[in-house]
Amino acid sequence: MGFADYRVALVTGASSGIGTATVRRLRAEGLEVHAMARDADRLAQLAKATGCIPHALDVRATAEIAKLADSIEVDVLVNNAGQSRQGDVLTNSADDVDQLIDVNLRAILHLTRLFVPGMVKRNRGHVVTISSIAGHYAFPGGNTVYHATKAGVHSLSQQLRVHLYGSNVRVTEISPARVETEVFARLLGDAEEAQKRFYDGYESLKPEDIAESIAFAVGSPARMNVSFMEVLPTKQVVGGLNFARGSGSDQS
């Protein structure tokens, strides 16, 4: 398969960052791109710049998305929308937990349920889901609920490949490390502070890097499924161990 075999794409979280870059990249390949996000003004600007078709929808609006699924035949589904919250499972509110699960995991399950059967029927399609290294590694300062939702996305991608075995529907999970998007600004409520804390002095990935990763997977020949891609800045590594001294042990 590849770009010549696909006609229509749907990108969620399209109003900024990775989503916007992906819309631009797929439009450059000639695909009809449906761009979904909550920010109608940003989507309108993106549509004017790229010719994409905007849909001002929250990924949690399952009934409205079901209507969209009945009206278009999507060949490439890019599950990009996601969010994070400050704190951890021991301090998060019930709303924090529910929102993270709803946006990061439940919405992707519903999008898969609504759009992938059509791909199977046509025996043509590609599901690309943006997860995170947080779904594969534990690290200090990580939000446990966020990590758990991204681990769920990883499991979904693996199981979906098994379920679609024998068809021409491909499944790709792209797992980025730190990408210079608005996520930390939203998390802190202060764009300037987020820039100083997380990006200044570091060489982070850009949204366009992830869009190129998506394009590589989608544009690959039919015999090739890029099932999993972990994308990190060159000067960032993951993993490592921490040891705490036991309070009651003999430390002599």
Foldseek 3Di string as FASTA:
>chain_A
DALVQFAEEEFEPQLWFLNVLLLQLNLVSVHAYEYEEQDPVSQVVSCVVRVHHYDNDQLLPLVVVLVVLVVDQHAEYEAEDAAAAADAPVPDDPVRLVVRCSNLAVSVVSVCVRHVVSCQVVLGHEYEYEAACLCVADDPRDHPSNNVSSVNVVVVLVVVCVVCPPTLYAYAYEYEYDEPICRVCVRVVHSVVSCVPPPVPDDFHGSNVVSVVVNCQRRDDSVDHNHYHYYGDPPDDDDDDDDDDDPPDDPD
